[in-house]
Protein backbone atom coordinates (compact mmCIF):
# COMPACT_ATOMS: atom_id res chain seq x y z
CA MET A 1 -81.46 68.91 28.24
CA HIS A 2 -80.98 65.40 30.05
CA HIS A 3 -78.32 64.83 32.61
CA SER A 4 -77.37 61.88 34.63
CA PHE A 5 -76.52 63.17 38.44
CA ILE A 6 -74.54 61.22 40.30
CA ASP A 7 -76.91 61.46 43.21
CA LYS A 8 -79.77 60.79 41.18
CA PHE A 9 -80.96 57.84 43.38
CA ALA A 10 -80.16 59.86 46.54
CA HIS A 11 -83.90 60.59 47.29
CA LEU A 12 -84.82 56.95 47.89
CA ASP A 13 -85.78 55.70 51.28
CA SER A 14 -83.86 52.89 52.54
CA PRO A 15 -81.66 51.77 55.67
CA ILE A 16 -78.55 53.05 53.86
CA HIS A 17 -80.15 56.32 52.57
CA ARG A 18 -81.19 57.15 56.34
CA LEU A 19 -77.94 56.58 57.70
CA ASP A 20 -75.65 59.61 58.84
CA PRO A 21 -73.38 60.54 55.84
CA ARG A 22 -70.42 60.54 57.91
CA ALA A 23 -71.21 56.72 58.86
CA LYS A 24 -71.32 56.00 55.41
CA ILE A 25 -67.93 57.70 54.52
CA ILE A 26 -66.26 56.11 57.32
CA SER A 27 -67.69 52.60 56.10
CA PHE A 28 -67.17 52.85 52.73
CA PHE A 29 -63.66 54.69 52.74
CA PHE A 30 -62.47 52.02 55.49
CA PHE A 31 -63.77 49.34 52.96
CA VAL A 32 -61.78 50.65 50.02
CA LEU A 33 -58.71 50.83 52.39
CA ILE A 34 -59.02 47.23 53.53
CA VAL A 35 -59.60 46.12 49.78
CA VAL A 36 -56.72 48.09 48.41
CA LEU A 37 -54.38 46.63 51.33
CA SER A 38 -55.47 42.89 50.57
CA ALA A 39 -52.81 40.60 49.38
CA ASN A 40 -52.74 40.07 45.29
CA GLY A 41 -54.34 36.76 44.38
CA GLU A 42 -56.73 36.43 47.24
CA TYR A 43 -59.88 35.84 44.93
CA ALA A 44 -61.94 34.37 47.65
CA ALA A 45 -61.40 37.14 49.56
CA PHE A 46 -62.60 39.39 46.80
CA GLY A 47 -65.58 37.21 46.37
CA LEU A 48 -66.52 37.90 49.88
CA PHE A 49 -65.81 41.68 49.74
CA PHE A 50 -68.17 41.49 46.76
CA LEU A 51 -71.02 39.98 48.82
CA LEU A 52 -70.44 42.63 51.50
CA ILE A 53 -70.97 45.51 49.11
CA PHE A 54 -73.57 43.58 47.37
CA SER A 55 -75.29 43.36 50.50
CA ALA A 56 -75.30 46.95 51.14
CA LEU A 57 -76.61 47.70 47.68
CA LEU A 58 -79.79 45.44 48.07
CA LEU A 59 -80.21 47.35 51.26
CA SER A 60 -80.05 50.71 49.50
CA ARG A 61 -82.55 49.70 46.95
CA VAL A 62 -80.59 51.55 44.18
CA PRO A 63 -81.24 49.85 40.62
CA LEU A 64 -78.21 47.22 40.50
CA ALA A 65 -78.37 47.70 36.58
CA TYR A 66 -77.32 51.33 37.19
CA VAL A 67 -74.69 50.54 39.56
CA PHE A 68 -73.12 47.65 37.62
CA LYS A 69 -73.29 49.66 34.55
CA HIS A 70 -71.55 52.66 35.57
CA SER A 71 -68.74 50.48 37.78
CA LEU A 72 -67.72 48.88 34.58
CA VAL A 73 -66.39 52.16 32.96
CA VAL A 74 -63.28 51.78 35.25
CA ILE A 75 -62.25 48.50 33.79
CA PRO A 76 -60.87 49.49 30.44
CA PHE A 77 -58.77 52.36 32.11
CA VAL A 78 -57.31 49.82 34.79
CA GLY A 79 -57.00 47.18 31.99
CA PHE A 80 -55.24 49.57 29.67
CA VAL A 81 -52.58 50.54 32.37
CA GLY A 82 -51.86 47.30 33.94
CA LEU A 83 -51.82 45.44 30.37
CA SER A 84 -47.94 45.36 30.43
CA LEU A 85 -48.22 43.23 33.70
CA LEU A 86 -49.60 40.28 31.86
CA PHE A 87 -46.30 40.05 30.03
CA LYS A 88 -44.13 39.60 33.42
CA GLU A 89 -43.70 36.50 35.56
CA GLY A 90 -46.70 36.39 38.08
CA GLY A 91 -47.93 39.59 36.43
CA ALA A 92 -51.22 37.96 35.68
CA VAL A 93 -52.31 37.38 39.39
CA VAL A 94 -51.33 41.19 40.00
CA PHE A 95 -53.22 42.43 37.01
CA TYR A 96 -56.68 40.65 37.83
CA SER A 97 -56.28 41.19 41.71
CA VAL A 98 -55.70 45.36 40.78
CA LEU A 99 -58.73 44.71 38.52
CA ALA A 100 -60.78 43.37 41.07
CA LYS A 101 -59.51 45.89 43.95
CA SER A 102 -60.51 48.87 41.40
CA TRP A 103 -63.87 47.69 40.70
CA LEU A 104 -64.69 46.79 44.25
CA SER A 105 -63.48 50.33 45.31
CA VAL A 106 -65.69 51.54 42.25
CA LEU A 107 -68.65 49.74 43.77
CA ALA A 108 -68.15 51.23 47.15
CA MET A 109 -68.00 54.74 45.91
CA LEU A 110 -71.14 54.49 43.83
CA THR A 111 -72.95 53.35 46.87
CA LEU A 112 -71.94 56.05 48.60
CA VAL A 113 -72.58 58.85 46.35
CA SER A 114 -75.96 57.03 45.11
CA THR A 115 -77.31 57.06 48.74
CA THR A 116 -76.21 60.54 49.99
CA ARG A 117 -77.40 63.78 48.51
CA PHE A 118 -74.54 65.76 47.07
CA PRO A 119 -74.59 68.59 49.66
CA ALA A 120 -74.82 66.05 52.62
CA LEU A 121 -71.75 64.40 51.33
CA LEU A 122 -69.81 67.59 50.92
CA LYS A 123 -70.80 68.48 54.60
CA GLY A 124 -69.81 65.24 55.66
CA LEU A 125 -66.30 65.53 53.96
CA GLU A 126 -66.07 69.14 55.85
CA TRP A 127 -66.59 67.33 59.18
CA PHE A 128 -63.67 65.23 58.42
CA ARG A 129 -61.67 68.22 57.85
CA VAL A 130 -61.05 68.07 54.22
CA PRO A 131 -59.98 71.75 53.13
CA GLY A 132 -62.87 74.09 52.35
CA LEU A 133 -61.06 75.14 49.09
CA VAL A 134 -61.07 71.43 47.75
CA LEU A 135 -64.87 71.02 48.66
CA MET A 136 -65.54 74.36 47.00
CA VAL A 137 -63.75 73.50 43.58
CA ILE A 138 -65.53 70.23 44.12
CA SER A 139 -68.92 71.75 44.43
CA PHE A 140 -68.57 74.32 41.72
CA MET A 141 -67.37 71.82 39.21
CA TYR A 142 -70.43 69.57 40.04
CA ARG A 143 -72.86 72.50 39.93
CA TYR A 144 -71.41 73.90 36.54
CA PHE A 145 -70.17 70.94 34.42
CA PHE A 146 -74.04 70.34 33.27
CA LEU A 147 -74.15 74.18 32.38
CA ILE A 148 -70.87 73.84 30.34
CA ASN A 149 -72.05 70.70 28.69
CA ASP A 150 -75.62 72.46 27.87
CA GLU A 151 -73.32 75.24 26.03
CA MET A 152 -71.35 72.90 24.30
CA MET A 153 -74.36 70.79 22.97
CA ARG A 154 -75.65 74.16 22.04
CA MET A 155 -72.87 75.15 19.96
CA GLN A 156 -72.79 71.60 18.26
CA ALA A 157 -76.42 72.11 17.29
CA ALA A 158 -75.65 75.53 16.07
CA ARG A 159 -72.31 74.11 14.01
CA ASP A 160 -74.44 71.34 12.47
CA SER A 161 -77.17 73.55 11.60
CA ARG A 162 -74.87 75.66 9.36
CA GLY A 163 -73.41 72.46 7.90
CA ALA A 164 -71.26 70.07 9.75
CA PRO A 165 -67.76 69.81 8.25
CA SER A 166 -66.95 66.73 6.48
CA GLY A 167 -62.77 66.61 6.55
CA LEU A 168 -60.67 65.58 8.94
CA VAL A 169 -59.07 69.07 9.09
CA GLU A 170 -62.04 70.85 9.12
CA ASN A 171 -63.29 68.78 12.20
CA ILE A 172 -60.30 69.51 14.04
CA SER A 173 -60.36 73.35 13.15
CA SER A 174 -64.03 73.40 13.99
CA ALA A 175 -63.45 71.50 17.63
CA GLY A 176 -60.66 73.94 18.25
CA SER A 177 -62.99 76.99 17.71
CA MET A 178 -65.67 75.66 19.70
CA ILE A 179 -63.03 74.71 22.80
CA GLY A 180 -61.63 78.16 22.49
CA SER A 181 -65.08 79.76 22.71
CA LEU A 182 -66.06 77.80 25.25
CA PHE A 183 -62.99 78.67 27.59
CA VAL A 184 -63.90 82.29 27.12
CA ARG A 185 -67.70 81.83 27.69
CA SER A 186 -66.69 79.84 30.95
CA TYR A 187 -64.45 82.29 32.25
CA GLU A 188 -66.88 85.14 31.94
CA ARG A 189 -69.78 82.93 33.43
CA ALA A 190 -67.17 82.17 36.43
CA GLU A 191 -66.64 85.86 36.72
CA SER A 192 -70.51 86.95 36.73
CA ALA A 193 -71.23 83.99 39.32
CA PHE A 194 -68.51 85.39 41.62
CA LEU A 195 -69.54 88.78 41.56
CA ALA A 196 -73.27 87.97 42.27
CA MET A 197 -72.03 85.76 45.08
CA CYS A 198 -70.10 88.55 46.39
CA ALA A 199 -72.71 91.06 46.08
CA ARG A 200 -74.86 88.60 48.20
CA GLY A 201 -72.10 88.40 51.19
CA PHE A 202 -70.00 85.61 50.20
CA ASP A 203 -67.26 85.40 52.57
CA GLY A 204 -65.42 82.49 50.93
CA GLU A 205 -67.25 79.72 53.00
CA MET A 206 -69.75 77.24 51.70
CA LYS A 207 -72.96 77.10 53.60
CA ALA A 208 -75.23 74.21 53.85
CA LEU A 209 -78.45 73.41 55.47
CA CYS A 210 -77.65 70.13 56.33
CA VAL A 211 -78.36 68.97 59.93
CA PHE A 212 -76.68 65.93 60.96
CA SER A 213 -78.00 63.68 64.03
CA PRO A 214 -76.07 60.49 64.39
CA GLY A 215 -77.97 57.66 66.26
CA VAL A 216 -77.37 54.26 67.48
CA ARG A 217 -78.05 52.74 64.23
CA ASP A 218 -75.27 54.69 62.66
CA PHE A 219 -72.66 53.03 64.95
CA ILE A 220 -74.20 49.92 64.57
CA PHE A 221 -73.90 49.77 60.95
CA VAL A 222 -70.14 51.45 61.16
CA ILE A 223 -69.15 48.54 63.59
CA LEU A 224 -70.59 45.87 61.60
CA PHE A 225 -69.53 46.81 58.43
CA CYS A 226 -66.11 47.34 59.01
CA SER A 227 -65.75 44.56 61.34
CA CYS A 228 -66.84 42.37 58.32
CA ALA A 229 -64.40 43.94 55.96
CA LEU A 230 -61.63 43.50 58.37
CA ALA A 231 -62.60 40.03 59.16
CA ILE A 232 -62.34 38.96 55.17
CA LYS A 233 -58.95 40.43 55.20
CA ILE A 234 -57.63 38.63 58.07
CA ILE A 235 -59.53 35.30 57.15
CA GLY A 236 -58.70 35.59 53.56
């Protein structure tokens, strides 16, 4: 079945792809921090922030249509949460500022995950002392989400082949049964996977084959990118 992996373009070759994952983590997380700390209503600064992250996207050669399409997903959620701000005095400025900050932050994170293979990203986060348990949970969630999704799609196909329920009550009942069955199957799969890992010597630590070798270009990118972001905040 077709799936959309978050690192589907991580195999491309570009100046951003060739950077050390730790350099990209530092740069893009610093960018998000600077954007979030910027004053509300600084629309000129937001425009410059966009040009900065857009330049990184162009260098990465990741399809812009893919990035912008997925970045727009955050707008309905932020818009719904901050909708009440529009009815307060000066709330419109805050609302549009939060919307801009959220979108810019998502663009930065999409650039990071689209140019870094998932195992390398986790290994880079591990280097920054992110708890191993957190990284393990993220790793298993990412790996087995697609398996669970496939299981759900097979259950839906089996249900439809027997005649899909027509009424609201029947649909709710069917959905409840599917969710319960999916939970039981997921639990059984998780137990089987854990026993198989223990049989192969799993000791609670995730192993990765990634080997990092930072170079001069990594330091130059971090310095230039972070300096530009900081300069925009100061000037703006």
